[in-house]
Protein backbone atom coordinates (compact mmCIF):
# COMPACT_ATOMS: atom_id res chain seq x y z
CA MET A 1 127.79 80.42 68.59
CA GLU A 2 130.76 82.44 68.24
CA THR A 3 130.46 86.01 69.29
CA SER A 4 132.77 89.22 69.64
CA ARG A 5 132.84 90.85 73.42
CA ILE A 6 130.76 93.48 73.58
CA PRO A 7 132.37 96.33 75.48
CA ALA A 8 131.38 95.90 79.06
CA LEU A 9 131.15 99.44 79.32
CA PHE A 10 127.84 99.21 77.13
CA PHE A 11 126.43 97.00 79.61
CA ALA A 12 127.09 98.13 83.04
CA LEU A 13 125.13 100.57 84.79
CA ALA A 14 127.38 103.09 86.81
CA GLY A 15 127.15 102.22 90.26
CA LEU A 16 124.52 99.05 89.64
CA ALA A 17 126.61 96.08 88.60
CA ALA A 18 128.31 93.47 90.93
CA ALA A 19 131.45 91.78 88.83
CA CYS A 20 130.87 87.53 88.66
CA GLY A 21 133.32 85.69 90.00
CA GLY A 22 135.43 88.55 90.89
CA GLY A 23 136.66 91.37 88.55
CA SER A 24 136.74 94.86 88.47
CA GLY A 25 133.16 95.73 89.64
CA ALA A 26 131.10 98.38 88.48
CA ARG A 27 131.92 100.04 85.37
CA PRO A 28 130.71 102.91 83.65
CA ALA A 29 127.55 102.90 80.40
CA ALA A 30 129.46 103.97 77.34
CA ALA A 31 129.21 107.63 75.84
CA GLY A 32 125.66 108.17 78.47
CA GLU A 33 124.10 105.84 76.50
CA LEU A 34 122.98 103.60 79.15
CA GLU A 35 123.12 106.60 82.28
CA GLU A 36 122.57 105.92 86.29
CA GLN A 37 119.27 107.78 86.38
CA GLY A 38 119.82 110.90 89.09
CA GLY A 39 117.68 113.10 91.32
CA ARG A 40 113.77 112.80 91.01
CA THR A 41 111.95 109.52 91.88
CA VAL A 42 108.52 110.44 89.84
CA PRO A 43 109.66 110.97 85.88
CA ALA A 44 109.80 114.10 84.21
CA ALA A 45 106.23 113.35 82.34
CA ALA A 46 104.13 112.68 85.89
CA ASP A 47 101.13 114.32 86.12
CA GLU A 48 100.71 117.15 88.98
CA GLU A 49 98.74 114.26 90.79
CA GLU A 50 101.68 111.89 91.03
CA ARG A 51 104.36 114.49 91.70
CA ARG A 52 102.07 115.61 94.97
CA SER A 53 101.54 112.42 96.24
CA ALA A 54 105.46 110.77 95.91
CA GLY A 55 107.82 111.14 98.97
CA ALA A 56 104.65 111.99 100.87
CA ASP A 57 104.55 108.73 102.76
CA ARG A 58 107.74 106.84 101.96
CA ARG A 59 106.69 103.97 104.27
CA PRO A 60 106.46 100.65 102.28
CA ARG A 61 103.12 99.19 102.37
CA SER A 62 102.44 96.18 104.34
CA ARG A 63 102.54 92.84 102.48
CA PRO A 64 98.55 91.87 101.79
CA SER A 65 97.59 88.87 104.03
CA GLY A 66 97.81 85.73 101.87
CA GLY A 67 101.00 86.17 99.93
CA ARG A 68 101.30 87.81 96.73
CA PRO A 69 97.84 88.73 94.94
CA LEU A 70 96.46 87.19 91.98
CA PRO A 71 96.38 88.81 88.88
CA LEU A 72 93.30 91.00 88.54
CA GLY A 73 93.00 89.79 84.46
CA CYS A 74 94.77 89.24 81.51
CA GLY A 75 93.16 88.96 77.58
CA PRO A 76 93.12 90.18 74.61
CA SER A 77 93.88 93.64 73.79
CA PRO A 78 90.90 96.17 74.44
CA THR A 79 91.69 98.13 71.28
CA ASP A 80 90.99 94.43 69.19
CA ARG A 81 95.10 95.29 68.24
CA GLY A 82 98.42 94.26 69.46
CA GLY A 83 99.48 91.47 72.17
CA ALA A 84 97.54 90.87 75.18
CA MET A 85 97.24 92.75 77.62
CA CYS A 86 96.78 92.91 81.78
CA ALA A 87 94.67 95.67 83.60
CA VAL A 88 96.59 97.51 86.25
CA PRO A 89 93.91 99.36 89.11
CA ALA A 90 93.91 103.00 90.00
CA GLY A 91 95.73 103.53 93.28
CA GLU A 92 98.82 103.95 95.00
CA PHE A 93 101.89 101.95 95.12
CA TRP A 94 105.23 102.40 96.21
CA MET A 95 107.86 103.78 93.41
CA GLY A 96 111.74 103.94 94.30
CA CYS A 97 114.20 102.21 96.81
CA ASN A 98 112.26 100.41 98.99
CA GLU A 99 115.28 100.37 101.84
CA SER A 100 113.23 97.23 103.98
CA VAL A 101 113.77 94.79 101.15
CA ASP A 102 116.45 96.52 98.63
CA ASP A 103 120.20 97.12 100.10
CA GLU A 104 121.50 97.99 96.62
CA CYS A 105 119.70 101.00 95.63
CA THR A 106 121.27 104.12 94.24
CA ALA A 107 120.63 107.63 94.31
CA ALA A 108 118.56 107.36 91.23
CA GLU A 109 115.69 105.73 93.41
CA ARG A 110 115.90 107.57 96.51
CA PRO A 111 113.42 108.76 98.13
CA GLY A 112 110.92 106.37 97.52
CA GLY A 113 107.42 107.05 98.04
CA ASN A 114 103.67 106.57 97.09
CA VAL A 115 102.85 107.67 93.62
CA ARG A 116 98.99 107.80 92.88
CA LEU A 117 98.27 106.45 88.73
CA THR A 118 94.72 106.05 87.02
CA ALA A 119 93.78 102.40 85.99
CA TYR A 120 95.43 101.81 83.01
CA TRP A 121 96.28 98.41 80.98
CA ILE A 122 99.73 97.37 80.20
CA ASP A 123 101.18 94.83 77.61
CA ARG A 124 101.46 91.30 79.02
CA TYR A 125 105.08 90.52 77.10
CA GLU A 126 107.23 92.35 75.20
CA VAL A 127 106.23 93.77 71.65
CA THR A 128 107.96 90.33 69.37
CA VAL A 129 109.20 90.24 65.97
CA ASP A 130 106.16 88.93 64.47
CA ASP A 131 103.85 91.92 66.24
CA TYR A 132 106.07 94.73 64.70
CA ARG A 133 106.48 92.85 61.18
CA ALA A 134 102.54 93.27 61.04
CA CYS A 135 102.87 97.06 61.39
CA VAL A 136 105.88 97.20 58.82
CA ASP A 137 103.48 94.95 56.36
CA ALA A 138 100.78 97.56 57.00
CA GLY A 139 103.62 99.95 55.88
CA VAL A 140 103.16 102.11 58.60
CA CYS A 141 106.43 101.21 60.61
CA SER A 142 109.86 101.18 59.45
CA ALA A 143 112.48 98.46 59.42
CA GLU A 144 114.98 100.75 59.03
CA GLY A 145 118.10 99.71 61.23
CA LEU A 146 116.62 96.73 62.55
CA GLU A 147 119.11 94.48 61.56
CA THR A 148 122.13 96.31 62.90
CA PRO A 149 122.23 97.81 66.36
CA ALA A 150 123.87 101.49 67.72
CA TRP A 151 124.56 103.45 70.12
CA ALA A 152 127.44 106.31 71.19
CA GLY A 153 126.37 107.47 67.95
CA ARG A 154 127.60 104.66 65.57
CA GLU A 155 126.30 101.37 64.22
CA ARG A 156 127.91 98.24 65.49
CA PRO A 157 127.78 95.61 62.89
CA GLU A 158 129.69 93.13 65.14
CA TRP A 159 126.84 93.22 67.16
CA SER A 160 123.62 92.24 64.00
CA TRP A 161 123.80 88.88 65.22
CA ALA A 162 122.01 89.86 68.34
CA CYS A 163 119.06 91.62 66.65
CA ASN A 164 116.28 89.78 66.22
CA TRP A 165 114.79 91.32 63.05
CA GLY A 166 115.48 88.95 60.20
CA LYS A 167 116.63 85.97 62.19
CA ALA A 168 114.80 82.86 61.47
CA GLY A 169 113.33 81.28 64.51
CA ARG A 170 112.88 84.59 66.67
CA GLU A 171 109.45 85.33 65.46
CA ASP A 172 108.60 84.93 69.01
CA HIS A 173 111.07 86.77 70.53
CA PRO A 174 110.89 90.83 72.02
CA LEU A 175 111.62 93.28 68.67
CA ASN A 176 115.21 94.68 69.97
CA CYS A 177 117.54 96.71 67.89
CA VAL A 178 114.69 99.25 67.76
CA ASP A 179 115.01 102.72 68.69
CA TRP A 180 112.05 105.24 70.59
CA HIS A 181 110.41 106.44 67.58
CA GLN A 182 109.75 103.43 66.14
CA ALA A 183 108.54 101.72 69.57
CA ARG A 184 106.14 105.11 70.01
CA GLU A 185 105.39 104.38 66.30
CA TYR A 186 104.37 100.95 66.76
CA CYS A 187 102.13 101.29 69.65
CA ARG A 188 100.22 104.35 67.65
CA PHE A 189 99.86 101.81 65.32
CA VAL A 190 98.06 99.27 67.54
CA GLY A 191 95.69 102.31 69.40
CA LYS A 192 98.14 102.43 72.42
CA ARG A 193 100.91 104.11 73.77
CA LEU A 194 104.23 103.49 75.65
CA PRO A 195 103.96 103.81 79.55
CA SER A 196 105.47 106.21 81.60
CA GLU A 197 108.16 105.44 84.02
CA ALA A 198 105.56 105.06 87.05
CA GLU A 199 103.17 102.37 84.83
CA TRP A 200 105.87 100.62 84.01
CA GLU A 201 107.02 100.27 87.37
CA LYS A 202 103.78 99.35 88.78
CA ALA A 203 103.05 97.31 86.49
CA ALA A 204 105.89 95.30 87.48
CA ARG A 205 106.18 95.53 90.97
CA GLY A 206 102.73 95.85 92.38
CA GLU A 207 102.08 98.17 95.15
CA ASP A 208 104.04 96.39 98.28
CA GLY A 209 107.67 98.04 97.01
CA ARG A 210 108.90 94.36 96.26
CA LYS A 211 112.39 94.69 94.93
CA TYR A 212 111.68 92.01 91.95
CA PRO A 213 108.31 91.38 90.08
CA TRP A 214 108.20 87.82 91.83
CA GLY A 215 108.98 89.41 95.35
CA ASP A 216 111.97 89.81 97.47
CA ALA A 217 114.19 86.22 96.71
CA GLY A 218 117.58 86.80 94.72
CA PHE A 219 118.98 85.22 91.44
CA ASP A 220 120.61 83.14 93.95
CA SER A 221 117.41 81.56 95.18
CA GLY A 222 117.51 78.20 92.63
CA ARG A 223 114.90 79.15 90.82
CA LYS A 224 114.92 80.65 86.85
CA TRP A 225 113.31 84.22 86.88
CA ALA A 226 114.15 85.87 83.92
CA ASN A 227 116.97 86.50 81.48
CA ILE A 228 119.87 88.37 82.77
CA ALA A 229 123.61 88.16 82.58
CA ASP A 230 124.31 84.40 83.40
CA GLU A 231 126.97 81.92 83.05
CA THR A 232 125.91 80.68 79.74
CA SER A 233 126.79 84.64 79.04
CA ARG A 234 129.63 84.63 80.85
CA ALA A 235 131.15 81.19 78.92
CA GLU A 236 130.85 83.81 76.19
CA GLN A 237 131.57 86.87 77.47
CA PRO A 238 134.55 86.27 80.72
CA ASP A 239 134.53 90.05 81.43
CA TRP A 240 130.78 90.51 82.00
CA THR A 241 129.26 91.31 85.42
CA CYS A 242 126.45 88.87 85.60
CA ALA A 243 124.44 86.79 88.77
CA ALA A 244 127.14 84.19 89.56
CA GLY A 245 125.88 80.42 90.07
CA TYR A 246 122.35 81.53 88.19
CA ASP A 247 121.93 80.21 84.81
CA ASP A 248 118.77 80.89 82.62
CA GLY A 249 120.33 79.07 80.00
CA TYR A 250 119.98 82.22 77.16
CA HIS A 251 122.87 84.01 75.76
CA GLY A 252 120.84 86.56 73.47
CA THR A 253 117.20 87.22 74.41
CA ALA A 254 114.96 83.95 75.02
CA PRO A 255 111.07 83.86 73.19
CA VAL A 256 108.67 86.37 75.41
CA GLY A 257 107.07 84.12 78.49
CA SER A 258 109.91 81.96 78.81
CA PHE A 259 110.09 82.68 82.64
CA PRO A 260 106.85 82.25 84.00
CA ALA A 261 107.94 82.44 87.57
CA GLY A 262 109.10 85.63 87.11
CA ALA A 263 105.76 87.33 86.61
CA SER A 264 104.37 90.41 88.31
CA PRO A 265 101.41 90.55 90.54
CA TYR A 266 99.38 91.62 87.54
CA GLY A 267 100.58 88.79 85.52
CA LEU A 268 102.92 90.66 83.00
CA HIS A 269 105.79 88.44 82.09
CA ASP A 270 109.38 89.57 81.48
CA MET A 271 109.31 93.19 83.37
CA ILE A 272 112.94 91.89 84.20
CA GLY A 273 115.38 90.71 81.87
CA ASN A 274 115.04 90.12 78.46
CA THR A 275 115.10 93.44 77.19
CA TRP A 276 115.29 97.28 78.44
CA GLU A 277 111.82 99.08 77.61
CA TRP A 278 111.60 102.09 76.58
CA THR A 279 109.24 104.40 78.49
CA ALA A 280 107.32 107.98 77.49
CA SER A 281 109.16 109.44 80.37
CA MET A 282 112.60 111.68 79.84
CA HIS A 283 115.44 110.95 81.26
CA ARG A 284 116.13 113.52 84.16
CA GLY A 285 113.99 115.93 82.18
CA ARG A 286 116.04 116.23 79.06
CA LYS A 287 114.78 115.61 75.45
CA ASP A 288 117.23 113.66 74.06
CA ARG A 289 117.42 110.87 76.72
CA MET A 290 114.63 108.42 77.88
CA ALA A 291 114.38 106.65 80.56
CA ILE A 292 114.45 102.92 80.11
CA ARG A 293 113.56 100.33 82.43
CA GLY A 294 113.62 96.64 83.43
CA GLY A 295 117.12 95.41 82.27
CA GLY A 296 118.21 93.07 79.47
CA TRP A 297 120.19 89.88 78.69
CA GLY A 298 123.37 91.21 79.21
CA ILE A 299 122.62 93.51 82.31
CA GLY A 300 124.20 92.03 85.70
CA PRO A 301 121.91 90.94 89.02
CA ALA A 302 122.42 94.62 90.61
CA ALA A 303 120.68 96.26 87.89
CA ALA A 304 117.86 94.04 87.22
CA ARG A 305 115.62 95.08 89.89
CA ALA A 306 112.25 96.43 89.79
CA SER A 307 113.15 99.90 90.87
CA ALA A 308 116.21 99.98 89.02
CA ARG A 309 116.39 103.33 86.38
CA ALA A 310 118.30 104.34 83.39
CA GLY A 311 118.23 106.38 79.88
CA SER A 312 119.23 105.90 76.97
CA SER A 313 119.39 108.34 73.31
CA PRO A 314 116.41 107.71 71.33
CA ARG A 315 118.25 107.03 68.25
CA ALA A 316 119.89 104.06 70.38
CA ARG A 317 119.30 100.62 68.92
CA ASN A 318 120.45 98.69 71.34
CA VAL A 319 120.44 94.92 71.57
CA ASN A 320 119.05 94.90 74.95
CA GLY A 321 116.42 97.34 74.33
CA GLY A 322 112.75 96.43 73.33
CA PHE A 323 109.28 97.33 74.70
CA ARG A 324 105.77 97.39 75.58
CA CYS A 325 102.83 99.26 75.26
CA ALA A 326 100.38 100.69 77.46
CA LEU A 327 96.63 102.04 77.14
CA SER A 328 94.76 104.35 79.65
CA ALA A 329 91.42 102.70 80.66
CA THR A 330 89.21 105.72 80.02
CA ARG A 331 90.65 104.97 76.44
CA ARG A 332 88.60 102.02 75.55
């Protein structure tokens, strides 16, 4: 597949990327479309209970005996619409940097601390092209712009090949090149909502402060954990940041659920890689920036961690950007 080169600036988070095979190292994001999140550990949209408990105890929880906890349960959506969901129980979890297992944290992730959340459900997979098409066909969701990415205030038609909408054979890929407003409208259509940053992070890493959804083993461990910038991407884009020696086999998105080894403690797939995911939380409390989490297929390993944070204009349609929905347990 012949592709143009995405500007390296677009894919690198300031202070988060490590160059693959040498190169110039970390590079800033393009025009603020992806920004390193600074300041608070608890997102601006968090409730007062979350704010009070964050930072009160900055010691990571000890791991439960017996290793990784089993998923509490995933099944059909309680709303009878949209994709399968997984239950996340009420209680505290470690949010932000856990320095005992992670030496790649940025200032955005510090200080880490315990955050208490009520119970909720969250989609097991990223919303797919087929999922979103049902909303478009119902006359509720808009397909405007889904075939042409846009960031930093202008469209990028040279990168339309990476958008999944309208591409045969990508029906089970995550919907990308979608803006925040379109993501929110879809979640409303299926009786759900976008998750907060805190909800997203707990669903990704569980309660014990692990570095990745699957544990603390990195991309040099020989397992295919997630779809990130890898050796396949490096062959197409030599100047990208990537995971040296790691090859997930994709330059672009993968069908959702393609990396079961990388599932989270609650059974969620693709919480790292494939696409960044929109949340309901503002970035640094700014109404013109929304928090995105999880990294995408073009993001290097330093940003592909459960606590890594970034923000984007809600109007941006990112080839690396998608979403999943959540549902409060009190709204069955």
